[in-house]
């Protein structure tokens, strides 16, 4: 098909990007990874233009941060208005209304009719840290449960709670104490001869045994779970499993924390992914798409849990910045006005169906999964053995980038292509992006076949 949006002239990086890369390599640590080897100059909606004039269709959305798109006019307007008033008096010095208004809005949006309170912070990892602090204060217990393949952040505590060793944990220990890993079902990789229902039963039983063999429930303050694992490979939690975890937490007085940092704000077809499961979490962490790229996060939860901390025990210098609050309030309005939850559901169905058709041509597509528009495909060498094919996954990403489509990988084996396009993306842009992906897949398969 004719390319209307994606335009890449020559190879990447271009001449201007090459000069910036030299400066980046000299001044910025290599420990910060980068995807496509170029630099943004302008972004709008689902399109990003680099310094050399190349334009990319964005199927990454800053890893799930741009659900309302790049530079949405209402977000830009809200930021300009806020900058003209004040930038940062510091909520713990002099309060400001946008902080309170955002907390009120979040309390309305989070599932449950019970009374709720919120605290605003800076990043997803900081939200997770504070959720744990609050749970420990409330329960007077210290233990924390996270799950296999989980990702919760890069700070000491959240890195401990994260599963993937490389690149997140290797040689960064020792880690925080009193953090325990429980099993999380990965139905695609269940044992041969075991049905999906049998497998879910098995993992639920293992979770129950966890409190016999690994830790006593009386010592656990909180269990934190992603309704759909993000970095772990876009693995949705089976409904029956997550409900079982919730019930066990209720039985033992364990605070149930839903980590909605990547799944929230319309990504799964609902405001929050946990709504698909019929559960009202005790605490919820949110960030990423909450403010369309302006750093801010929150913990929202039951009032009786949230209010246990005394004055001065929670907070931070930049927590709940006015700019983040203004952007987040605009995002909440945009999502309602533009029906982005519904759009997320529509996009997910479209993309998943396209991948099912693509899988008929390429046996390397082992699994297609997700929730709403949080969709992924797992790349394997053989559908029978399910051997991960990271080399092909990386080759597809490079080929897509070179054609003007931004995509990234995920998963413990690095063999999952995950898709997080802004929900405001147009139908034409989706169709063109998927066509580019098809071409990139074909080229990558041919390239590796020749090399073999």
Protein backbone atom coordinates (compact mmCIF):
# COMPACT_ATOMS: atom_id res chain seq x y z
CA UNK A 1 0.00 0.00 0.00
CA UNK A 2 1.07 3.61 -0.55
CA UNK A 3 2.76 5.10 2.48
CA UNK A 4 0.90 8.25 3.55
CA UNK A 5 2.28 8.72 7.05
CA UNK A 6 5.52 6.77 7.58
CA UNK A 7 8.44 8.22 5.66
CA UNK A 8 12.07 7.21 6.12
CA UNK A 9 14.67 8.57 3.72
CA UNK A 10 17.95 6.70 3.64
CA UNK A 11 19.26 4.62 6.52
CA UNK A 12 18.96 5.16 10.25
CA UNK A 13 20.48 7.08 11.88
CA UNK A 14 20.44 10.09 9.54
CA UNK A 15 23.17 12.71 9.44
CA UNK A 16 21.78 14.94 12.21
CA UNK A 17 21.01 11.91 14.36
CA UNK A 18 24.57 10.62 13.93
CA UNK A 19 25.97 13.84 15.39
CA UNK A 20 23.55 13.67 18.32
CA UNK A 21 24.49 10.02 18.87
CA UNK A 22 28.13 11.04 19.26
CA UNK A 23 27.13 13.58 21.91
CA UNK A 24 24.85 11.05 23.60
CA UNK A 25 27.61 8.45 23.81
CA UNK A 26 29.99 10.98 25.33
CA UNK A 27 27.61 12.49 27.88
CA UNK A 28 24.94 9.88 28.71
CA UNK A 29 25.56 6.55 30.44
CA UNK A 30 25.21 3.48 28.23
CA UNK A 31 23.11 1.88 30.95
CA UNK A 32 20.14 3.85 29.62
CA UNK A 33 18.91 1.82 26.64
CA UNK A 34 17.41 3.22 23.45
CA UNK A 35 15.19 1.71 20.79
CA UNK A 36 15.32 3.30 17.36
CA UNK A 37 18.70 5.06 16.74
CA UNK A 38 17.39 8.56 16.14
CA UNK A 39 16.07 11.63 17.95
CA UNK A 40 12.58 13.14 18.07
CA UNK A 41 11.98 16.67 16.85
CA UNK A 42 8.18 16.79 16.78
CA UNK A 43 5.31 14.52 17.77
CA UNK A 44 1.56 14.70 17.35
CA UNK A 45 -1.11 12.07 17.85
CA UNK A 46 0.44 8.75 16.80
CA UNK A 47 3.22 10.23 14.66
CA UNK A 48 6.79 11.20 15.58
CA UNK A 49 9.14 13.10 13.27
CA UNK A 50 12.87 12.88 13.89
CA UNK A 51 15.63 15.48 13.46
CA UNK A 52 16.34 14.27 9.92
CA UNK A 53 12.73 14.65 8.79
CA UNK A 54 11.79 10.96 9.00
CA UNK A 55 8.26 10.28 10.26
CA UNK A 56 7.30 7.19 12.25
CA UNK A 57 3.95 5.66 13.13
CA UNK A 58 4.12 5.05 16.86
CA UNK A 59 3.03 1.60 18.02
CA UNK A 60 4.94 2.04 21.31
CA UNK A 61 3.48 5.18 22.87
CA UNK A 62 6.50 5.74 25.14
CA UNK A 63 5.84 2.23 26.50
CA UNK A 64 2.18 2.85 27.21
CA UNK A 65 2.42 6.48 28.27
CA UNK A 66 0.68 8.19 25.35
CA UNK A 67 -2.83 6.73 25.32
CA UNK A 68 -4.27 10.16 24.43
CA UNK A 69 -1.49 10.70 21.91
CA UNK A 70 1.48 12.99 21.64
CA UNK A 71 0.83 16.68 22.32
CA UNK A 72 -2.95 16.45 22.52
CA UNK A 73 -4.18 20.05 22.09
CA UNK A 74 -6.17 19.98 25.35
CA UNK A 75 -3.17 18.71 27.31
CA UNK A 76 -0.93 21.36 25.75
CA UNK A 77 -3.52 24.04 26.56
CA UNK A 78 -3.82 22.87 30.15
CA UNK A 79 -0.04 22.93 30.61
CA UNK A 80 0.32 26.43 29.18
CA UNK A 81 -2.46 27.68 31.44
CA UNK A 82 -0.84 26.10 34.50
CA UNK A 83 2.62 27.47 33.67
CA UNK A 84 1.16 30.98 33.52
CA UNK A 85 -0.23 30.57 37.06
CA UNK A 86 2.56 28.80 38.99
CA UNK A 87 4.95 25.93 38.35
CA UNK A 88 5.72 24.39 41.73
CA UNK A 89 4.96 25.85 45.15
CA UNK A 90 5.40 22.36 46.64
CA UNK A 91 2.23 20.76 47.99
CA UNK A 92 3.88 20.11 51.36
CA UNK A 93 4.67 23.86 51.63
CA UNK A 94 1.66 25.56 50.05
CA UNK A 95 -1.20 23.46 48.76
CA UNK A 96 -2.93 23.93 45.39
CA UNK A 97 -6.35 22.94 44.13
CA UNK A 98 -5.34 20.77 41.10
CA UNK A 99 -3.77 18.23 43.47
CA UNK A 100 -7.03 17.87 45.38
CA UNK A 101 -9.16 17.82 42.23
CA UNK A 102 -7.06 15.04 40.69
CA UNK A 103 -7.28 12.94 43.86
CA UNK A 104 -11.06 13.41 43.83
CA UNK A 105 -11.26 12.34 40.17
CA UNK A 106 -9.09 9.28 40.74
CA UNK A 107 -11.21 8.22 43.71
CA UNK A 108 -14.28 8.39 41.45
CA UNK A 109 -12.64 6.41 38.65
CA UNK A 110 -11.10 3.58 40.68
CA UNK A 111 -13.54 0.62 41.11
CA UNK A 112 -15.55 0.42 44.33
CA UNK A 113 -18.20 2.50 46.06
CA UNK A 114 -16.24 2.56 49.31
CA UNK A 115 -14.57 5.77 50.52
CA UNK A 116 -11.15 6.33 48.94
CA UNK A 117 -8.16 8.61 49.25
CA UNK A 118 -5.13 9.18 47.04
CA UNK A 119 -1.55 10.36 47.17
CA UNK A 120 0.26 11.81 44.15
CA UNK A 121 3.89 10.96 43.41
CA UNK A 122 6.39 11.13 40.55
CA UNK A 123 6.83 7.73 38.90
CA UNK A 124 5.38 4.26 38.70
CA UNK A 125 8.13 2.79 40.86
CA UNK A 126 7.58 5.46 43.48
CA UNK A 127 3.86 4.68 43.52
CA UNK A 128 4.62 0.99 44.10
CA UNK A 129 7.07 1.83 46.91
CA UNK A 130 4.48 3.99 48.63
CA UNK A 131 1.72 1.43 48.20
CA UNK A 132 3.94 -1.06 50.04
CA UNK A 133 4.75 1.49 52.74
CA UNK A 134 1.06 2.19 53.28
CA UNK A 135 0.20 -1.52 53.38
CA UNK A 136 2.95 -2.18 55.92
CA UNK A 137 1.82 0.71 58.09
CA UNK A 138 -1.78 -0.50 57.98
CA UNK A 139 -1.17 -4.20 58.63
CA UNK A 140 1.86 -3.86 60.91
CA UNK A 141 3.42 -6.63 58.80
CA UNK A 142 6.51 -6.55 56.59
CA UNK A 143 6.21 -9.26 53.93
CA UNK A 144 5.35 -8.48 50.30
CA UNK A 145 4.31 -10.90 47.57
CA UNK A 146 4.90 -10.24 43.90
CA UNK A 147 4.62 -12.76 41.07
CA UNK A 148 6.86 -14.54 38.60
CA UNK A 149 7.67 -12.44 35.49
CA UNK A 150 6.39 -9.31 37.27
CA UNK A 151 7.77 -5.86 36.58
CA UNK A 152 7.24 -3.13 39.17
CA UNK A 153 10.18 -0.75 38.70
CA UNK A 154 13.93 -0.17 39.08
CA UNK A 155 14.32 1.22 42.61
CA UNK A 156 15.74 -1.09 45.27
CA UNK A 157 12.39 -2.37 46.53
CA UNK A 158 10.64 -2.48 43.15
CA UNK A 159 13.69 -4.07 41.51
CA UNK A 160 13.49 -6.76 44.18
CA UNK A 161 9.82 -7.28 43.32
CA UNK A 162 10.64 -7.47 39.60
CA UNK A 163 11.45 -10.90 38.17
CA UNK A 164 13.62 -10.41 35.08
CA UNK A 165 17.27 -10.72 36.14
CA UNK A 166 18.92 -9.23 33.06
CA UNK A 167 19.00 -6.33 32.49
CA UNK A 168 17.15 -5.21 35.62
CA UNK A 169 18.79 -7.00 38.56
CA UNK A 170 22.09 -8.56 37.55
CA UNK A 171 24.95 -7.30 39.80
CA UNK A 172 22.68 -4.71 41.46
CA UNK A 173 22.15 -6.66 44.70
CA UNK A 174 21.78 -7.21 47.56
CA UNK A 175 18.06 -6.73 47.35
CA UNK A 176 15.37 -5.67 49.80
CA UNK A 177 14.32 -8.29 52.37
CA UNK A 178 10.86 -9.75 52.98
CA UNK A 179 9.86 -9.94 49.29
CA UNK A 180 8.49 -13.27 48.07
CA UNK A 181 7.74 -14.48 44.52
CA UNK A 182 4.57 -16.46 43.92
CA UNK A 183 3.67 -18.31 40.68
CA UNK A 184 1.72 -16.51 37.93
CA UNK A 185 0.02 -18.60 35.22
CA UNK A 186 1.46 -18.46 31.71
CA UNK A 187 -1.14 -20.51 29.90
CA UNK A 188 0.69 -20.54 26.56
CA UNK A 189 3.64 -22.32 28.19
CA UNK A 190 1.67 -24.73 30.37
CA UNK A 191 2.86 -28.36 30.49
CA UNK A 192 1.94 -30.65 27.61
CA UNK A 193 -1.23 -32.64 28.12
CA UNK A 194 -2.63 -30.21 30.68
CA UNK A 195 -5.77 -28.26 29.81
CA UNK A 196 -5.94 -24.54 30.49
CA UNK A 197 -8.44 -25.05 33.30
CA UNK A 198 -6.33 -27.78 34.89
CA UNK A 199 -3.28 -25.53 34.67
CA UNK A 200 -5.07 -22.63 36.35
CA UNK A 201 -6.20 -24.98 39.12
CA UNK A 202 -2.60 -26.13 39.51
CA UNK A 203 -1.26 -22.57 39.87
CA UNK A 204 -4.00 -21.67 42.35
CA UNK A 205 -3.05 -24.73 44.41
CA UNK A 206 0.60 -23.69 44.25
CA UNK A 207 -0.36 -20.24 45.53
CA UNK A 208 -2.18 -21.84 48.46
CA UNK A 209 0.83 -24.08 49.15
CA UNK A 210 3.03 -20.98 49.00
CA UNK A 211 1.62 -19.97 52.39
CA UNK A 212 2.59 -23.34 53.81
CA UNK A 213 6.03 -23.85 52.27
CA UNK A 214 7.40 -20.33 51.79
CA UNK A 215 5.86 -17.83 54.20
CA UNK A 216 3.05 -17.60 56.74
CA UNK A 217 0.16 -15.35 55.66
CA UNK A 218 0.24 -13.61 59.04
CA UNK A 219 3.55 -12.04 58.03
CA UNK A 220 2.41 -10.67 54.67
CA UNK A 221 1.38 -7.03 54.38
CA UNK A 222 0.52 -6.95 50.68
CA UNK A 223 0.30 -8.87 47.44
CA UNK A 224 0.83 -6.82 44.28
CA UNK A 225 -0.22 -8.04 40.87
CA UNK A 226 -0.43 -6.75 37.30
CA UNK A 227 -3.81 -7.69 35.78
CA UNK A 228 -1.88 -8.04 32.52
CA UNK A 229 1.86 -8.50 32.92
CA UNK A 230 3.64 -5.84 30.88
CA UNK A 231 7.38 -6.34 30.64
CA UNK A 232 6.74 -10.00 31.47
CA UNK A 233 5.23 -10.50 28.02
CA UNK A 234 1.69 -9.05 27.95
CA UNK A 235 0.33 -12.07 29.80
CA UNK A 236 -3.25 -11.54 31.02
CA UNK A 237 -4.06 -13.06 34.39
CA UNK A 238 -6.82 -15.67 34.05
CA UNK A 239 -9.92 -14.28 35.74
CA UNK A 240 -10.31 -17.28 38.02
CA UNK A 241 -6.70 -17.00 39.17
CA UNK A 242 -6.79 -13.33 40.04
CA UNK A 243 -10.10 -13.79 41.86
CA UNK A 244 -8.56 -16.64 43.86
CA UNK A 245 -5.59 -14.46 44.83
CA UNK A 246 -7.99 -11.70 45.87
CA UNK A 247 -10.10 -14.08 47.97
CA UNK A 248 -7.03 -15.49 49.74
CA UNK A 249 -5.80 -11.98 50.49
CA UNK A 250 -9.18 -11.08 51.98
CA UNK A 251 -9.17 -14.24 54.05
CA UNK A 252 -5.79 -13.45 55.62
CA UNK A 253 -6.01 -9.65 55.93
CA UNK A 254 -3.44 -9.09 53.16
CA UNK A 255 -3.72 -5.82 51.25
CA UNK A 256 -4.43 -6.53 47.56
CA UNK A 257 -2.60 -4.04 45.29
CA UNK A 258 -3.43 -3.80 41.58
CA UNK A 259 -0.48 -2.42 39.62
CA UNK A 260 -2.22 -0.52 36.80
CA UNK A 261 0.76 1.57 35.76
CA UNK A 262 0.82 0.17 32.21
CA UNK A 263 -2.70 -1.29 32.02
CA UNK A 264 -4.59 1.81 33.17
CA UNK A 265 -6.32 4.67 31.38
CA UNK A 266 -8.05 2.80 28.59
CA UNK A 267 -5.31 0.46 27.46
CA UNK A 268 -7.40 -2.69 27.97
CA UNK A 269 -10.74 -1.29 26.85
CA UNK A 270 -11.76 -0.14 30.33
CA UNK A 271 -10.48 2.68 32.49
CA UNK A 272 -8.54 0.09 34.52
CA UNK A 273 -7.82 -3.53 33.64
CA UNK A 274 -8.97 -4.80 37.03
CA UNK A 275 -12.54 -3.94 35.98
CA UNK A 276 -12.45 -6.96 33.66
CA UNK A 277 -12.06 -9.19 36.73
CA UNK A 278 -14.91 -7.93 38.90
CA UNK A 279 -12.54 -6.99 41.73
CA UNK A 280 -12.28 -3.88 43.90
CA UNK A 281 -8.61 -3.68 44.90
CA UNK A 282 -7.58 -2.34 48.29
CA UNK A 283 -4.91 -0.16 46.66
CA UNK A 284 -4.12 0.69 43.06
CA UNK A 285 -0.98 2.20 41.53
CA UNK A 286 -1.31 4.34 38.40
CA UNK A 287 1.07 6.40 36.26
CA UNK A 288 2.22 6.31 32.60
CA UNK A 289 -0.78 7.46 30.48
CA UNK A 290 -2.33 9.32 33.40
CA UNK A 291 -0.75 12.60 32.31
CA UNK A 292 0.19 12.10 28.64
CA UNK A 293 3.93 12.12 29.26
CA UNK A 294 4.20 14.54 32.19
CA UNK A 295 5.78 12.66 35.15
CA UNK A 296 3.21 11.88 37.80
CA UNK A 297 1.84 8.82 39.56
CA UNK A 298 -0.61 7.94 42.29
CA UNK A 299 -1.68 5.41 44.87
CA UNK A 300 -5.46 5.26 45.26
CA UNK A 301 -7.20 3.08 47.78
CA UNK A 302 -9.55 2.39 50.63
CA UNK A 303 -9.71 5.36 52.98
CA UNK A 304 -9.21 3.26 56.10
CA UNK A 305 -5.92 1.97 54.67
CA UNK A 306 -4.69 5.18 53.07
CA UNK A 307 -5.23 7.39 56.10
CA UNK A 308 -3.09 5.40 58.56
CA UNK A 309 0.11 7.33 57.76
CA UNK A 310 0.74 10.41 59.89
CA UNK A 311 1.66 13.87 58.59
CA UNK A 312 5.14 13.91 57.07
CA UNK A 313 5.41 10.14 56.66
CA UNK A 314 4.54 10.21 52.94
CA UNK A 315 5.35 12.60 50.11
CA UNK A 316 8.31 14.12 48.29
CA UNK A 317 9.60 17.40 46.88
CA UNK A 318 8.06 17.09 43.42
CA UNK A 319 5.23 14.71 44.24
CA UNK A 320 1.99 15.71 42.54
CA UNK A 321 3.48 18.60 40.59
CA UNK A 322 0.95 21.17 39.32
CA UNK A 323 1.97 20.46 35.71
CA UNK A 324 1.35 16.74 36.17
CA UNK A 325 -2.00 17.44 37.84
CA UNK A 326 -3.09 19.79 35.04
CA UNK A 327 -2.13 17.28 32.36
CA UNK A 328 -3.84 14.39 34.19
CA UNK A 329 -7.08 16.32 34.64
CA UNK A 330 -7.07 17.09 30.92
CA UNK A 331 -6.43 13.42 30.11
CA UNK A 332 -9.41 12.31 32.20
CA UNK A 333 -11.67 14.72 30.31
CA UNK A 334 -10.26 13.66 26.92
CA UNK A 335 -10.82 9.99 27.64
CA UNK A 336 -14.49 10.58 28.39
CA UNK A 337 -15.12 13.04 25.54
CA UNK A 338 -13.37 10.92 22.90
CA UNK A 339 -14.62 7.56 24.26
CA UNK A 340 -11.10 6.18 24.40
CA UNK A 341 -12.03 3.14 26.49
CA UNK A 342 -14.30 2.02 23.66
CA UNK A 343 -11.58 2.87 21.15
CA UNK A 344 -9.14 0.67 23.06
CA UNK A 345 -11.52 -2.26 22.78
CA UNK A 346 -12.00 -1.67 19.04
CA UNK A 347 -8.28 -1.40 18.37
CA UNK A 348 -7.58 -4.60 20.26
CA UNK A 349 -10.07 -6.61 18.21
CA UNK A 350 -8.73 -5.18 14.94
CA UNK A 351 -5.07 -5.78 15.75
CA UNK A 352 -5.63 -9.27 17.14
CA UNK A 353 -7.60 -10.31 14.04
CA UNK A 354 -4.84 -8.97 11.81
CA UNK A 355 -2.28 -11.02 13.72
CA UNK A 356 -4.40 -14.14 13.40
CA UNK A 357 -4.32 -13.68 9.63
CA UNK A 358 -0.58 -13.03 9.73
CA UNK A 359 -0.10 -16.23 11.75
CA UNK A 360 -1.60 -18.23 8.88
CA UNK A 361 1.41 -17.14 6.78
CA UNK A 362 4.10 -17.33 9.43
CA UNK A 363 4.46 -20.35 11.70
CA UNK A 364 6.86 -18.27 13.81
CA UNK A 365 3.85 -16.63 15.48
CA UNK A 366 3.27 -18.96 18.39
CA UNK A 367 0.72 -17.03 20.42
CA UNK A 368 -1.51 -13.97 20.11
CA UNK A 369 -2.77 -12.61 23.41
CA UNK A 370 -3.76 -9.55 25.36
CA UNK A 371 -6.66 -7.57 26.75
CA UNK A 372 -8.24 -4.69 24.86
CA UNK A 373 -5.57 -2.92 22.84
CA UNK A 374 -2.80 -4.31 25.05
CA UNK A 375 -1.96 -6.97 22.46
CA UNK A 376 1.19 -9.00 21.82
CA UNK A 377 2.47 -11.81 19.62
CA UNK A 378 5.02 -14.34 20.83
CA UNK A 379 7.68 -15.32 18.28
CA UNK A 380 8.94 -18.91 18.33
CA UNK A 381 11.16 -21.10 16.16
CA UNK A 382 8.63 -23.90 16.15
CA UNK A 383 5.02 -24.02 17.29
CA UNK A 384 5.44 -27.49 18.69
CA UNK A 385 8.53 -26.86 20.81
CA UNK A 386 7.65 -23.17 21.45
CA UNK A 387 11.37 -22.38 21.47
CA UNK A 388 11.73 -18.58 21.81
CA UNK A 389 13.02 -16.81 18.70
CA UNK A 390 14.58 -13.63 20.03
CA UNK A 391 16.76 -13.14 16.93
CA UNK A 392 13.71 -12.92 14.67
CA UNK A 393 11.94 -10.63 17.13
CA UNK A 394 14.88 -8.21 17.08
CA UNK A 395 15.14 -8.40 13.29
CA UNK A 396 11.44 -7.55 12.90
CA UNK A 397 11.89 -4.50 15.14
CA UNK A 398 14.86 -3.23 13.10
CA UNK A 399 13.05 -3.81 9.80
CA UNK A 400 9.94 -2.04 11.13
CA UNK A 401 11.97 0.92 12.39
CA UNK A 402 13.71 1.25 9.04
CA UNK A 403 10.31 1.43 7.35
CA UNK A 404 8.91 4.03 9.73
CA UNK A 405 7.11 1.96 12.38
CA UNK A 406 8.06 1.99 16.06
CA UNK A 407 7.64 -1.35 17.87
CA UNK A 408 9.32 -2.91 20.90
CA UNK A 409 9.73 -6.29 22.54
CA UNK A 410 8.94 -7.77 25.95
CA UNK A 411 8.98 -11.09 27.77
CA UNK A 412 11.46 -13.06 29.82
CA UNK A 413 13.01 -14.42 26.61
CA UNK A 414 12.81 -11.14 24.66
CA UNK A 415 10.67 -12.84 22.01
CA UNK A 416 7.37 -10.99 22.40
CA UNK A 417 6.32 -8.07 20.19
CA UNK A 418 4.05 -5.79 22.22
CA UNK A 419 1.84 -3.06 20.84
CA UNK A 420 0.90 0.14 22.68
CA UNK A 421 -0.22 2.56 19.98
CA UNK A 422 -1.94 5.75 21.18
CA UNK A 423 -5.67 5.23 21.37
CA UNK A 424 -6.22 8.38 19.28
CA UNK A 425 -4.45 6.79 16.30
CA UNK A 426 -6.51 7.04 13.11
CA UNK A 427 -7.79 4.02 11.21
CA UNK A 428 -5.57 4.94 8.27
CA UNK A 429 -2.52 5.04 10.50
CA UNK A 430 -3.35 1.68 12.06
CA UNK A 431 -3.79 0.08 8.63
CA UNK A 432 -0.52 1.53 7.36
CA UNK A 433 1.34 0.49 10.50
CA UNK A 434 0.07 -3.08 10.26
CA UNK A 435 1.05 -3.22 6.57
CA UNK A 436 4.56 -2.06 7.48
CA UNK A 437 4.72 -4.70 10.19
CA UNK A 438 3.74 -7.37 7.64
CA UNK A 439 6.54 -6.23 5.32
CA UNK A 440 9.01 -6.11 8.20
CA UNK A 441 8.04 -9.64 9.27
CA UNK A 442 8.51 -10.96 5.73
CA UNK A 443 11.88 -9.25 5.35
CA UNK A 444 13.15 -10.44 8.74
CA UNK A 445 12.13 -14.05 8.10
CA UNK A 446 13.84 -13.99 4.68
CA UNK A 447 16.95 -12.40 6.13
CA UNK A 448 17.36 -15.03 8.86
CA UNK A 449 16.58 -17.84 6.41
CA UNK A 450 19.44 -16.67 4.17
CA UNK A 451 21.80 -16.43 7.14
CA UNK A 452 20.88 -19.97 8.20
